[in-house]
Amino acid sequence: RPDALQRAGSYAPPPTASDLPGLEASGEIVAIGSGVSQWAVGDQVCALLPGGGYAEYVATPAAHCLPVPDGMGLKEAACLPETYFTVFSNVFQRGGLKAGERFLVHGGSSGIGTTAIQLGKLFGARVFTTAGSDAKCAACHGENAAGQDGVAPPLVHIIYEPSHHGDEAFQRATELGVRGHHWPFGDMPPVEG
């Protein structure tokens, strides 16, 4: 979204960033800075950027790069960093989600939502999600490794929440026994619950 907002003149990049849009990029490393040991010229990576991802060449800290997953093209890999860094930093680093804990993901069919579901399952959490339409529930069902409700974990438990107000989802989550931390994405503090 920031790319579209920047093109519309509604989003200013950080002062030290390129004025070109693009918060994500992928490609082949053509040069590395001194002290960089985890990457080499020729490695294929995707990266999170402060801006400039639409340029032919970009520079970003080595820690902002991820390897392009096996079997994935550069075009698809360019879509990974923003959602995966956002979910990992908020849910695991800041929120401290651990294996065996329950994890409620609101808006499970969104880009952040599907990433949160995938990472939550990968790290052994019991994942619950909300969705507001039959089509969105179907997308969340697609995240079930077992392919159907009630089969062995890892499984995504889906709460159909058509009201879009959260009250019904909160009530159903409470009934399912989802307790713990509520950690909204962004810079808001966690709410214990």
C-alpha atoms as a PDB file:
ATOM      1  CA  ARG A   1       0.000   0.000   0.000  1.00  0.00           C
ATOM      2  CA  PRO A   2       2.743   2.533   0.725  1.00  0.00           C
ATOM      3  CA  ASP A   3       3.894   2.200  -2.902  1.00  0.00           C
ATOM      4  CA  ALA A   4       0.447   3.167  -4.194  1.00  0.00           C
ATOM      5  CA  LEU A   5       0.124   5.927  -1.598  1.00  0.00           C
ATOM      6  CA  GLN A   6       3.548   7.310  -2.539  1.00  0.00           C
ATOM      7  CA  ARG A   7       2.614   7.382  -6.235  1.00  0.00           C
ATOM      8  CA  ALA A   8      -0.578   9.265  -5.263  1.00  0.00           C
ATOM      9  CA  GLY A   9       1.461  11.802  -3.276  1.00  0.00           C
ATOM     10  CA  SER A  10       0.046  10.682   0.095  1.00  0.00           C
ATOM     11  CA  TYR A  11       3.119   8.961   1.558  1.00  0.00           C
ATOM     12  CA  ALA A  12       6.520  10.529   1.999  1.00  0.00           C
ATOM     13  CA  PRO A  13       9.477   8.130   2.247  1.00  0.00           C
ATOM     14  CA  PRO A  14      11.864   8.502   5.186  1.00  0.00           C
ATOM     15  CA  PRO A  15      14.259  11.461   4.766  1.00  0.00           C
ATOM     16  CA  THR A  16      17.290   9.285   3.974  1.00  0.00           C
ATOM     17  CA  ALA A  17      15.437   6.960   1.559  1.00  0.00           C
ATOM     18  CA  SER A  18      15.160   7.124  -2.198  1.00  0.00           C
ATOM     19  CA  ASP A  19      12.209   9.131  -3.465  1.00  0.00           C
ATOM     20  CA  LEU A  20      11.367   6.227  -5.792  1.00  0.00           C
ATOM     21  CA  PRO A  21       8.593   3.915  -4.561  1.00  0.00           C
ATOM     22  CA  GLY A  22       9.209   0.328  -3.579  1.00  0.00           C
ATOM     23  CA  LEU A  23       9.624  -1.102  -0.086  1.00  0.00           C
ATOM     24  CA  GLU A  24      10.535  -4.562  -1.351  1.00  0.00           C
ATOM     25  CA  ALA A  25      12.842  -5.856  -4.053  1.00  0.00           C
ATOM     26  CA  SER A  26      14.475  -9.045  -5.232  1.00  0.00           C
ATOM     27  CA  GLY A  27      17.435  -9.806  -7.435  1.00  0.00           C
ATOM     28  CA  GLU A  28      21.052 -10.802  -7.567  1.00  0.00           C
ATOM     29  CA  ILE A  29      23.655  -9.228  -5.288  1.00  0.00           C
ATOM     30  CA  VAL A  30      26.174  -7.296  -7.409  1.00  0.00           C
ATOM     31  CA  ALA A  31      28.248  -5.793  -4.570  1.00  0.00           C
ATOM     32  CA  ILE A  32      28.533  -6.108  -0.797  1.00  0.00           C
ATOM     33  CA  GLY A  33      29.738  -3.760   1.888  1.00  0.00           C
ATOM     34  CA  SER A  34      32.691  -4.297   4.192  1.00  0.00           C
ATOM     35  CA  GLY A  35      31.916  -6.611   7.083  1.00  0.00           C
ATOM     36  CA  VAL A  36      29.136  -8.480   5.263  1.00  0.00           C
ATOM     37  CA  SER A  37      29.816 -12.193   5.613  1.00  0.00           C
ATOM     38  CA  GLN A  38      26.443 -13.899   5.221  1.00  0.00           C
ATOM     39  CA  TRP A  39      26.001 -12.868   1.560  1.00  0.00           C
ATOM     40  CA  ALA A  40      28.159 -13.046  -1.553  1.00  0.00           C
ATOM     41  CA  VAL A  41      28.082 -11.471  -4.989  1.00  0.00           C
ATOM     42  CA  GLY A  42      25.759 -13.607  -7.115  1.00  0.00           C
ATOM     43  CA  ASP A  43      23.393 -14.647  -4.271  1.00  0.00           C
ATOM     44  CA  GLN A  44      19.722 -14.234  -5.085  1.00  0.00           C
ATOM     45  CA  VAL A  45      17.854 -12.391  -2.349  1.00  0.00           C
ATOM     46  CA  CYS A  46      14.694 -10.499  -1.592  1.00  0.00           C
ATOM     47  CA  ALA A  47      14.905  -7.463   0.659  1.00  0.00           C
ATOM     48  CA  LEU A  48      12.987  -4.970   2.728  1.00  0.00           C
ATOM     49  CA  LEU A  49      13.878  -1.389   1.833  1.00  0.00           C
ATOM     50  CA  PRO A  50      13.116   2.117   3.120  1.00  0.00           C
ATOM     51  CA  GLY A  51      12.290   3.020  -0.509  1.00  0.00           C
ATOM     52  CA  GLY A  52      13.648   2.775  -4.024  1.00  0.00           C
ATOM     53  CA  GLY A  53      12.633  -0.798  -4.805  1.00  0.00           C
ATOM     54  CA  TYR A  54      11.454   0.196  -8.283  1.00  0.00           C
ATOM     55  CA  ALA A  55      15.014   1.184  -9.236  1.00  0.00           C
ATOM     56  CA  GLU A  56      17.315  -1.058 -11.243  1.00  0.00           C
ATOM     57  CA  TYR A  57      19.816  -1.182  -8.344  1.00  0.00           C
ATOM     58  CA  VAL A  58      19.162  -0.735  -4.607  1.00  0.00           C
ATOM     59  CA  ALA A  59      21.225  -0.750  -1.411  1.00  0.00           C
ATOM     60  CA  THR A  60      19.939  -2.042   1.917  1.00  0.00           C
ATOM     61  CA  PRO A  61      21.431  -3.410   5.131  1.00  0.00           C
ATOM     62  CA  ALA A  62      22.425  -7.078   4.879  1.00  0.00           C
ATOM     63  CA  ALA A  63      20.082  -7.918   7.784  1.00  0.00           C
ATOM     64  CA  HIS A  64      17.126  -6.782   5.649  1.00  0.00           C
ATOM     65  CA  CYS A  65      17.771  -9.504   3.065  1.00  0.00           C
ATOM     66  CA  LEU A  66      16.317 -12.998   2.867  1.00  0.00           C
ATOM     67  CA  PRO A  67      17.366 -15.802   0.547  1.00  0.00           C
ATOM     68  CA  VAL A  68      14.983 -16.441  -2.339  1.00  0.00           C
ATOM     69  CA  PRO A  69      13.221 -19.706  -1.396  1.00  0.00           C
ATOM     70  CA  ASP A  70      13.940 -22.751  -3.564  1.00  0.00           C
ATOM     71  CA  GLY A  71      11.460 -23.052  -6.406  1.00  0.00           C
ATOM     72  CA  MET A  72      10.323 -19.417  -6.151  1.00  0.00           C
ATOM     73  CA  GLY A  73      10.972 -16.831  -8.835  1.00  0.00           C
ATOM     74  CA  LEU A  74      12.284 -13.335  -8.189  1.00  0.00           C
ATOM     75  CA  LYS A  75       8.905 -11.734  -8.925  1.00  0.00           C
ATOM     76  CA  GLU A  76       7.179 -13.809  -6.238  1.00  0.00           C
ATOM     77  CA  ALA A  77      10.067 -13.467  -3.785  1.00  0.00           C
ATOM     78  CA  ALA A  78       9.848  -9.673  -3.945  1.00  0.00           C
ATOM     79  CA  CYS A  79       6.462  -9.964  -2.185  1.00  0.00           C
ATOM     80  CA  LEU A  80       7.830 -11.753   0.898  1.00  0.00           C
ATOM     81  CA  PRO A  81       9.903  -9.351   3.015  1.00  0.00           C
ATOM     82  CA  GLU A  82       7.301  -6.822   4.179  1.00  0.00           C
ATOM     83  CA  THR A  83       4.824  -9.405   5.499  1.00  0.00           C
ATOM     84  CA  TYR A  84       7.363 -11.876   6.886  1.00  0.00           C
ATOM     85  CA  PHE A  85       9.488  -9.248   8.644  1.00  0.00           C
ATOM     86  CA  THR A  86       6.331  -7.573  10.010  1.00  0.00           C
ATOM     87  CA  VAL A  87       4.860 -10.791  11.385  1.00  0.00           C
ATOM     88  CA  PHE A  88       8.143 -12.197  12.695  1.00  0.00           C
ATOM     89  CA  SER A  89       9.202  -9.013  14.476  1.00  0.00           C
ATOM     90  CA  ASN A  90       5.778  -8.333  16.008  1.00  0.00           C
ATOM     91  CA  VAL A  91       4.578 -11.839  16.842  1.00  0.00           C
ATOM     92  CA  PHE A  92       7.802 -13.638  17.773  1.00  0.00           C
ATOM     93  CA  GLN A  93      10.394 -11.012  18.704  1.00  0.00           C
ATOM     94  CA  ARG A  94       8.137  -8.462  20.406  1.00  0.00           C
ATOM     95  CA  GLY A  95       5.158 -10.671  21.290  1.00  0.00           C
ATOM     96  CA  GLY A  96       7.139 -13.749  22.281  1.00  0.00           C
ATOM     97  CA  LEU A  97       4.786 -16.368  20.775  1.00  0.00           C
ATOM     98  CA  LYS A  98       6.022 -19.865  21.620  1.00  0.00           C
ATOM     99  CA  ALA A  99       5.187 -23.407  20.528  1.00  0.00           C
ATOM    100  CA  GLY A 100       2.023 -24.719  22.131  1.00  0.00           C
ATOM    101  CA  GLU A 101       0.519 -21.284  22.755  1.00  0.00           C
ATOM    102  CA  ARG A 102      -2.769 -20.180  21.214  1.00  0.00           C
ATOM    103  CA  PHE A 103      -2.555 -17.477  18.561  1.00  0.00           C
ATOM    104  CA  LEU A 104      -5.544 -15.461  17.313  1.00  0.00           C
ATOM    105  CA  VAL A 105      -5.061 -13.821  13.903  1.00  0.00           C
ATOM    106  CA  HIS A 106      -7.707 -11.284  12.888  1.00  0.00           C
ATOM    107  CA  GLY A 107      -8.245 -10.967   9.135  1.00  0.00           C
ATOM    108  CA  GLY A 108      -6.746 -14.350   8.336  1.00  0.00           C
ATOM    109  CA  SER A 109      -7.214 -14.082   4.564  1.00  0.00           C
ATOM    110  CA  SER A 110      -5.107 -10.912   4.218  1.00  0.00           C
ATOM    111  CA  GLY A 111      -1.432 -10.926   3.284  1.00  0.00           C
ATOM    112  CA  ILE A 112      -0.347 -10.329   6.875  1.00  0.00           C
ATOM    113  CA  GLY A 113      -3.016 -12.777   8.083  1.00  0.00           C
ATOM    114  CA  THR A 114      -1.950 -15.683   5.869  1.00  0.00           C
ATOM    115  CA  THR A 115       1.696 -15.034   6.757  1.00  0.00           C
ATOM    116  CA  ALA A 116       0.846 -14.996  10.472  1.00  0.00           C
ATOM    117  CA  ILE A 117      -1.069 -18.270  10.091  1.00  0.00           C
ATOM    118  CA  GLN A 118       1.819 -19.905   8.239  1.00  0.00           C
ATOM    119  CA  LEU A 119       4.481 -18.771  10.707  1.00  0.00           C
ATOM    120  CA  GLY A 120       2.316 -19.541  13.735  1.00  0.00           C
ATOM    121  CA  LYS A 121       1.800 -23.103  12.520  1.00  0.00           C
ATOM    122  CA  LEU A 122       5.465 -23.470  11.546  1.00  0.00           C
ATOM    123  CA  PHE A 123       6.550 -22.499  15.060  1.00  0.00           C
ATOM    124  CA  GLY A 124       4.032 -24.848  16.709  1.00  0.00           C
ATOM    125  CA  ALA A 125       1.303 -22.480  17.900  1.00  0.00           C
ATOM    126  CA  ARG A 126      -2.373 -23.430  17.939  1.00  0.00           C
ATOM    127  CA  VAL A 127      -3.739 -20.926  15.410  1.00  0.00           C
ATOM    128  CA  PHE A 128      -7.189 -19.347  15.408  1.00  0.00           C
ATOM    129  CA  THR A 129      -8.276 -16.769  12.847  1.00  0.00           C
ATOM    130  CA  THR A 130     -11.223 -14.562  11.993  1.00  0.00           C
ATOM    131  CA  ALA A 131     -12.706 -14.061   8.537  1.00  0.00           C
ATOM    132  CA  GLY A 132     -15.733 -12.088   7.403  1.00  0.00           C
ATOM    133  CA  SER A 133     -17.122 -13.915   4.368  1.00  0.00           C
ATOM    134  CA  ASP A 134     -17.483 -17.399   2.931  1.00  0.00           C
ATOM    135  CA  ALA A 135     -14.736 -16.661   0.391  1.00  0.00           C
ATOM    136  CA  LYS A 136     -12.362 -15.432   3.096  1.00  0.00           C
ATOM    137  CA  CYS A 137     -13.140 -18.484   5.253  1.00  0.00           C
ATOM    138  CA  ALA A 138     -12.338 -20.661   2.232  1.00  0.00           C
ATOM    139  CA  ALA A 139      -8.982 -18.904   1.855  1.00  0.00           C
ATOM    140  CA  CYS A 140      -8.237 -19.594   5.524  1.00  0.00           C
ATOM    141  CA  HIS A 141      -9.280 -23.234   5.077  1.00  0.00           C
ATOM    142  CA  GLY A 142      -6.623 -23.368   2.359  1.00  0.00           C
ATOM    143  CA  GLU A 143      -4.043 -22.676   5.084  1.00  0.00           C
ATOM    144  CA  ASN A 144      -5.028 -25.900   6.900  1.00  0.00           C
ATOM    145  CA  ALA A 145      -2.187 -28.364   6.391  1.00  0.00           C
ATOM    146  CA  ALA A 146      -4.579 -31.240   7.080  1.00  0.00           C
ATOM    147  CA  GLY A 147      -7.095 -29.872   4.558  1.00  0.00           C
ATOM    148  CA  GLN A 148     -10.180 -30.165   6.772  1.00  0.00           C
ATOM    149  CA  ASP A 149     -11.421 -29.180  10.226  1.00  0.00           C
ATOM    150  CA  GLY A 150     -10.926 -31.587  13.094  1.00  0.00           C
ATOM    151  CA  VAL A 151      -7.952 -33.457  11.659  1.00  0.00           C
ATOM    152  CA  ALA A 152      -4.515 -33.626  13.261  1.00  0.00           C
ATOM    153  CA  PRO A 153      -2.594 -30.369  13.863  1.00  0.00           C
ATOM    154  CA  PRO A 154      -1.274 -28.082  12.650  1.00  0.00           C
ATOM    155  CA  LEU A 155      -4.761 -26.787  12.047  1.00  0.00           C
ATOM    156  CA  VAL A 156      -6.250 -23.327  11.664  1.00  0.00           C
ATOM    157  CA  HIS A 157      -9.469 -22.842  13.605  1.00  0.00           C
ATOM    158  CA  ILE A 158     -11.659 -20.365  11.724  1.00  0.00           C
ATOM    159  CA  ILE A 159     -14.103 -17.989  13.365  1.00  0.00           C
ATOM    160  CA  TYR A 160     -16.672 -16.660  10.907  1.00  0.00           C
ATOM    161  CA  GLU A 161     -17.097 -12.995  11.819  1.00  0.00           C
ATOM    162  CA  PRO A 162     -19.504 -11.330   9.352  1.00  0.00           C
ATOM    163  CA  SER A 163     -20.189  -8.235  11.478  1.00  0.00           C
ATOM    164  CA  HIS A 164     -16.693  -6.744  10.951  1.00  0.00           C
ATOM    165  CA  HIS A 165     -16.977  -5.166  14.403  1.00  0.00           C
ATOM    166  CA  GLY A 166     -14.952  -7.726  16.314  1.00  0.00           C
ATOM    167  CA  ASP A 167     -17.527  -8.311  19.087  1.00  0.00           C
ATOM    168  CA  GLU A 168     -18.644 -11.681  17.730  1.00  0.00           C
ATOM    169  CA  ALA A 169     -15.072 -12.748  17.021  1.00  0.00           C
ATOM    170  CA  PHE A 170     -13.973 -11.776  20.524  1.00  0.00           C
ATOM    171  CA  GLN A 171     -16.873 -13.717  22.073  1.00  0.00           C
ATOM    172  CA  ARG A 172     -16.161 -16.827  19.989  1.00  0.00           C
ATOM    173  CA  ALA A 173     -12.443 -16.630  20.707  1.00  0.00           C
ATOM    174  CA  THR A 174     -13.217 -16.382  24.429  1.00  0.00           C
ATOM    175  CA  GLU A 175     -15.468 -19.442  24.149  1.00  0.00           C
ATOM    176  CA  LEU A 176     -12.640 -21.345  22.458  1.00  0.00           C
ATOM    177  CA  GLY A 177     -10.305 -20.480  25.304  1.00  0.00           C
ATOM    178  CA  VAL A 178      -8.004 -18.118  23.430  1.00  0.00           C
ATOM    179  CA  ARG A 179      -6.198 -16.169  26.155  1.00  0.00           C
ATOM    180  CA  GLY A 180      -2.881 -14.420  26.341  1.00  0.00           C
ATOM    181  CA  HIS A 181      -1.495 -11.353  24.641  1.00  0.00           C
ATOM    182  CA  HIS A 182      -3.313  -9.111  22.201  1.00  0.00           C
ATOM    183  CA  TRP A 183      -0.570  -7.600  20.076  1.00  0.00           C
ATOM    184  CA  PRO A 184      -1.856  -5.260  17.370  1.00  0.00           C
ATOM    185  CA  PHE A 185       0.565  -4.666  14.501  1.00  0.00           C
ATOM    186  CA  GLY A 186       2.268  -1.325  14.622  1.00  0.00           C
ATOM    187  CA  ASP A 187       3.764   0.558  17.536  1.00  0.00           C
ATOM    188  CA  MET A 188       0.896   0.175  19.982  1.00  0.00           C
ATOM    189  CA  PRO A 189       1.706  -1.516  23.316  1.00  0.00           C
ATOM    190  CA  PRO A 190       0.349  -5.012  24.009  1.00  0.00           C
ATOM    191  CA  VAL A 191      -2.876  -5.472  25.925  1.00  0.00           C
ATOM    192  CA  GLU A 192      -2.949  -8.331  28.420  1.00  0.00           C
ATOM    193  CA  GLY A 193      -6.128 -10.381  28.242  1.00  0.00           C
END
